[in-house]
Amino acid sequence: MSRILFTFISPLVAGIAMLSAAGPAGAHHSFAAEFDVNKPFKVHGTVTKIEWVNPHAWMYVDVKDPDEKVTNWRFELGAPSALFRLGWKKDSIQPGLEVDILSYLAKSGGHVGNCRSVLLPDGKELFAGGSGPPDTERLSPPSKR
């Protein structure tokens, strides 16, 4: 009987242990997996929406290119709890507000970035609490695709 338990139960227990340990690892991504540290940029636009969701809040901004074509960009922020610790409030940024976004471009392309900080019209800077590097010396408008 003990041999049967060892033969069948041990692999079952080991399999369950491995599956439960692997689950959380895939639940989150690193900055480098999704965003390009070598492609920092700055855009000016109008906030259209903020989603206060976990694990990252998201801000949507309408950005006009030099030809006046409007594109809605999506920016990953830190977790809502991190943003609150950095001084954000739910009403800090409302739809319709014009802002400058300091960000890093997504590797997947599209109009997606990892926000480093938001510059408000009054000059105040709100840090985004994300996982990106602090270097903003090379920020420039994103290139046309």
C-alpha atoms as a PDB file:
ATOM      1  CA  MET A   1       0.000   0.000   0.000  1.00  0.00           C
ATOM      2  CA  SER A   2       2.801   2.461   0.827  1.00  0.00           C
ATOM      3  CA  ARG A   3       4.410   1.754  -2.557  1.00  0.00           C
ATOM      4  CA  ILE A   4       1.115   2.677  -4.301  1.00  0.00           C
ATOM      5  CA  LEU A   5       0.902   5.903  -2.333  1.00  0.00           C
ATOM      6  CA  PHE A   6       4.490   6.761  -3.195  1.00  0.00           C
ATOM      7  CA  THR A   7       4.082   5.894  -6.881  1.00  0.00           C
ATOM      8  CA  PHE A   8       0.856   7.816  -7.496  1.00  0.00           C
ATOM      9  CA  ILE A   9       0.518  10.445  -4.793  1.00  0.00           C
ATOM     10  CA  SER A  10       4.076  11.836  -4.827  1.00  0.00           C
ATOM     11  CA  PRO A  11       4.001  12.883  -8.523  1.00  0.00           C
ATOM     12  CA  LEU A  12       0.542  14.369  -8.029  1.00  0.00           C
ATOM     13  CA  VAL A  13       1.674  16.470  -5.059  1.00  0.00           C
ATOM     14  CA  ALA A  14       4.833  17.551  -6.901  1.00  0.00           C
ATOM     15  CA  GLY A  15       2.807  18.564  -9.972  1.00  0.00           C
ATOM     16  CA  ILE A  16       0.376  20.624  -7.939  1.00  0.00           C
ATOM     17  CA  ALA A  17       3.261  22.333  -6.149  1.00  0.00           C
ATOM     18  CA  MET A  18       4.968  23.248  -9.437  1.00  0.00           C
ATOM     19  CA  LEU A  19       1.765  24.595 -10.993  1.00  0.00           C
ATOM     20  CA  SER A  20       0.917  26.720  -7.984  1.00  0.00           C
ATOM     21  CA  ALA A  21       4.450  28.160  -7.868  1.00  0.00           C
ATOM     22  CA  ALA A  22       4.426  29.040 -11.583  1.00  0.00           C
ATOM     23  CA  GLY A  23       1.122  30.947 -11.566  1.00  0.00           C
ATOM     24  CA  PRO A  24       2.175  34.261 -10.014  1.00  0.00           C
ATOM     25  CA  ALA A  25       5.335  34.502 -12.156  1.00  0.00           C
ATOM     26  CA  GLY A  26       3.335  35.092 -15.318  1.00  0.00           C
ATOM     27  CA  ALA A  27       0.960  37.589 -13.743  1.00  0.00           C
ATOM     28  CA  HIS A  28       3.223  40.634 -14.095  1.00  0.00           C
ATOM     29  CA  HIS A  29       5.750  41.935 -16.602  1.00  0.00           C
ATOM     30  CA  SER A  30       8.980  43.842 -16.299  1.00  0.00           C
ATOM     31  CA  PHE A  31       9.507  47.269 -17.834  1.00  0.00           C
ATOM     32  CA  ALA A  32      12.134  45.894 -20.256  1.00  0.00           C
ATOM     33  CA  ALA A  33       9.781  43.190 -21.516  1.00  0.00           C
ATOM     34  CA  GLU A  34       7.202  45.702 -22.748  1.00  0.00           C
ATOM     35  CA  PHE A  35       8.894  49.098 -23.189  1.00  0.00           C
ATOM     36  CA  ASP A  36      12.067  50.372 -24.867  1.00  0.00           C
ATOM     37  CA  VAL A  37      14.437  52.249 -22.550  1.00  0.00           C
ATOM     38  CA  ASN A  38      16.174  53.629 -25.661  1.00  0.00           C
ATOM     39  CA  LYS A  39      12.975  55.282 -26.932  1.00  0.00           C
ATOM     40  CA  PRO A  40      11.966  57.944 -24.410  1.00  0.00           C
ATOM     41  CA  PHE A  41       9.643  60.644 -25.725  1.00  0.00           C
ATOM     42  CA  LYS A  42       7.467  63.580 -24.756  1.00  0.00           C
ATOM     43  CA  VAL A  43       4.005  64.401 -26.100  1.00  0.00           C
ATOM     44  CA  HIS A  44       1.506  67.184 -25.490  1.00  0.00           C
ATOM     45  CA  GLY A  45      -2.166  66.349 -25.547  1.00  0.00           C
ATOM     46  CA  THR A  46      -5.597  66.372 -23.955  1.00  0.00           C
ATOM     47  CA  VAL A  47      -6.583  63.762 -21.377  1.00  0.00           C
ATOM     48  CA  THR A  48      -9.614  61.740 -22.483  1.00  0.00           C
ATOM     49  CA  LYS A  49      -9.821  59.125 -19.706  1.00  0.00           C
ATOM     50  CA  ILE A  50      -8.052  57.636 -16.672  1.00  0.00           C
ATOM     51  CA  GLU A  51      -8.660  54.062 -15.559  1.00  0.00           C
ATOM     52  CA  TRP A  52      -7.855  53.451 -11.872  1.00  0.00           C
ATOM     53  CA  VAL A  53      -7.296  49.687 -12.157  1.00  0.00           C
ATOM     54  CA  ASN A  54      -4.745  47.219 -10.810  1.00  0.00           C
ATOM     55  CA  PRO A  55      -2.018  46.282 -11.408  1.00  0.00           C
ATOM     56  CA  HIS A  56      -1.514  49.531 -13.401  1.00  0.00           C
ATOM     57  CA  ALA A  57      -3.640  52.602 -13.881  1.00  0.00           C
ATOM     58  CA  TRP A  58      -3.960  53.845 -17.485  1.00  0.00           C
ATOM     59  CA  MET A  59      -4.241  57.353 -18.898  1.00  0.00           C
ATOM     60  CA  TYR A  60      -5.576  58.052 -22.399  1.00  0.00           C
ATOM     61  CA  VAL A  61      -4.502  61.234 -24.171  1.00  0.00           C
ATOM     62  CA  ASP A  62      -5.470  62.721 -27.553  1.00  0.00           C
ATOM     63  CA  VAL A  63      -2.292  63.925 -29.275  1.00  0.00           C
ATOM     64  CA  LYS A  64      -2.240  66.089 -32.424  1.00  0.00           C
ATOM     65  CA  ASP A  65       0.556  65.521 -34.915  1.00  0.00           C
ATOM     66  CA  PRO A  66       1.988  68.432 -36.988  1.00  0.00           C
ATOM     67  CA  ASP A  67      -0.741  67.817 -39.613  1.00  0.00           C
ATOM     68  CA  GLU A  68      -3.446  68.255 -36.911  1.00  0.00           C
ATOM     69  CA  LYS A  69      -4.372  64.546 -37.068  1.00  0.00           C
ATOM     70  CA  VAL A  70      -5.493  63.389 -33.588  1.00  0.00           C
ATOM     71  CA  THR A  71      -4.333  60.036 -32.218  1.00  0.00           C
ATOM     72  CA  ASN A  72      -5.395  58.600 -28.866  1.00  0.00           C
ATOM     73  CA  TRP A  73      -2.342  57.400 -26.917  1.00  0.00           C
ATOM     74  CA  ARG A  74      -2.510  54.989 -23.976  1.00  0.00           C
ATOM     75  CA  PHE A  75      -0.021  55.394 -21.106  1.00  0.00           C
ATOM     76  CA  GLU A  76       0.683  52.843 -18.390  1.00  0.00           C
ATOM     77  CA  LEU A  77       1.013  54.351 -14.923  1.00  0.00           C
ATOM     78  CA  GLY A  78       1.911  52.775 -11.593  1.00  0.00           C
ATOM     79  CA  ALA A  79      -0.603  51.024  -9.389  1.00  0.00           C
ATOM     80  CA  PRO A  80      -3.333  53.286  -7.988  1.00  0.00           C
ATOM     81  CA  SER A  81      -1.946  52.836  -4.456  1.00  0.00           C
ATOM     82  CA  ALA A  82       1.517  53.976  -5.633  1.00  0.00           C
ATOM     83  CA  LEU A  83       0.003  57.005  -7.384  1.00  0.00           C
ATOM     84  CA  PHE A  84      -1.858  58.027  -4.208  1.00  0.00           C
ATOM     85  CA  ARG A  85       1.399  57.746  -2.218  1.00  0.00           C
ATOM     86  CA  LEU A  86       3.037  60.041  -4.797  1.00  0.00           C
ATOM     87  CA  GLY A  87       0.393  62.715  -4.236  1.00  0.00           C
ATOM     88  CA  TRP A  88      -2.163  61.892  -6.927  1.00  0.00           C
ATOM     89  CA  LYS A  89      -5.866  62.203  -6.160  1.00  0.00           C
ATOM     90  CA  LYS A  90      -8.726  60.850  -8.241  1.00  0.00           C
ATOM     91  CA  ASP A  91      -9.406  64.411  -9.386  1.00  0.00           C
ATOM     92  CA  SER A  92      -5.757  65.429  -9.997  1.00  0.00           C
ATOM     93  CA  ILE A  93      -6.210  64.948 -13.732  1.00  0.00           C
ATOM     94  CA  GLN A  94      -9.616  65.264 -15.352  1.00  0.00           C
ATOM     95  CA  PRO A  95     -10.671  64.617 -18.951  1.00  0.00           C
ATOM     96  CA  GLY A  96     -10.153  67.771 -21.010  1.00  0.00           C
ATOM     97  CA  LEU A  97      -6.944  68.825 -19.219  1.00  0.00           C
ATOM     98  CA  GLU A  98      -3.956  69.574 -21.471  1.00  0.00           C
ATOM     99  CA  VAL A  99      -0.780  67.852 -20.253  1.00  0.00           C
ATOM    100  CA  ASP A 100       2.740  66.932 -21.306  1.00  0.00           C
ATOM    101  CA  ILE A 101       3.615  63.265 -20.904  1.00  0.00           C
ATOM    102  CA  LEU A 102       7.192  62.043 -20.399  1.00  0.00           C
ATOM    103  CA  SER A 103       7.178  58.411 -21.460  1.00  0.00           C
ATOM    104  CA  TYR A 104       8.892  55.386 -23.020  1.00  0.00           C
ATOM    105  CA  LEU A 105       7.585  53.777 -26.204  1.00  0.00           C
ATOM    106  CA  ALA A 106       6.138  50.257 -26.173  1.00  0.00           C
ATOM    107  CA  LYS A 107       8.178  47.620 -28.012  1.00  0.00           C
ATOM    108  CA  SER A 108       5.003  46.246 -29.582  1.00  0.00           C
ATOM    109  CA  GLY A 109       4.447  49.460 -31.528  1.00  0.00           C
ATOM    110  CA  GLY A 110       1.185  51.292 -31.571  1.00  0.00           C
ATOM    111  CA  HIS A 111       0.408  54.371 -29.559  1.00  0.00           C
ATOM    112  CA  VAL A 112       1.337  53.011 -26.146  1.00  0.00           C
ATOM    113  CA  GLY A 113       3.862  54.241 -23.618  1.00  0.00           C
ATOM    114  CA  ASN A 114       5.056  53.755 -20.066  1.00  0.00           C
ATOM    115  CA  CYS A 115       4.527  57.127 -18.412  1.00  0.00           C
ATOM    116  CA  ARG A 116       7.371  58.476 -16.298  1.00  0.00           C
ATOM    117  CA  SER A 117       5.610  61.702 -15.323  1.00  0.00           C
ATOM    118  CA  VAL A 118       2.828  64.125 -16.224  1.00  0.00           C
ATOM    119  CA  LEU A 119       3.460  67.858 -16.469  1.00  0.00           C
ATOM    120  CA  LEU A 120       0.367  69.899 -15.575  1.00  0.00           C
ATOM    121  CA  PRO A 121      -0.471  73.350 -17.018  1.00  0.00           C
ATOM    122  CA  ASP A 122       0.456  75.030 -13.694  1.00  0.00           C
ATOM    123  CA  GLY A 123       3.991  73.555 -13.916  1.00  0.00           C
ATOM    124  CA  LYS A 124       3.439  70.830 -11.325  1.00  0.00           C
ATOM    125  CA  GLU A 125       4.929  67.438 -12.186  1.00  0.00           C
ATOM    126  CA  LEU A 126       3.183  64.244 -11.090  1.00  0.00           C
ATOM    127  CA  PHE A 127       5.423  61.182 -11.122  1.00  0.00           C
ATOM    128  CA  ALA A 128       3.725  58.093 -12.514  1.00  0.00           C
ATOM    129  CA  GLY A 129       5.081  55.539 -10.045  1.00  0.00           C
ATOM    130  CA  GLY A 130       5.849  53.038 -12.796  1.00  0.00           C
ATOM    131  CA  SER A 131       8.734  50.686 -13.284  1.00  0.00           C
ATOM    132  CA  GLY A 132      10.584  52.729 -15.922  1.00  0.00           C
ATOM    133  CA  PRO A 133      14.021  54.266 -15.469  1.00  0.00           C
ATOM    134  CA  PRO A 134      14.299  57.868 -14.221  1.00  0.00           C
ATOM    135  CA  ASP A 135      16.392  59.117 -17.207  1.00  0.00           C
ATOM    136  CA  THR A 136      14.503  61.787 -19.174  1.00  0.00           C
ATOM    137  CA  GLU A 137      17.412  63.722 -20.679  1.00  0.00           C
ATOM    138  CA  ARG A 138      16.796  62.329 -24.185  1.00  0.00           C
ATOM    139  CA  LEU A 139      13.035  62.890 -24.395  1.00  0.00           C
ATOM    140  CA  SER A 140      11.755  63.859 -27.838  1.00  0.00           C
ATOM    141  CA  PRO A 141       8.510  63.520 -29.805  1.00  0.00           C
ATOM    142  CA  PRO A 142       7.872  59.979 -31.056  1.00  0.00           C
ATOM    143  CA  SER A 143       8.857  59.359 -34.657  1.00  0.00           C
ATOM    144  CA  LYS A 144       6.176  58.826 -37.296  1.00  0.00           C
ATOM    145  CA  ARG A 145       5.440  55.208 -38.086  1.00  0.00           C
END
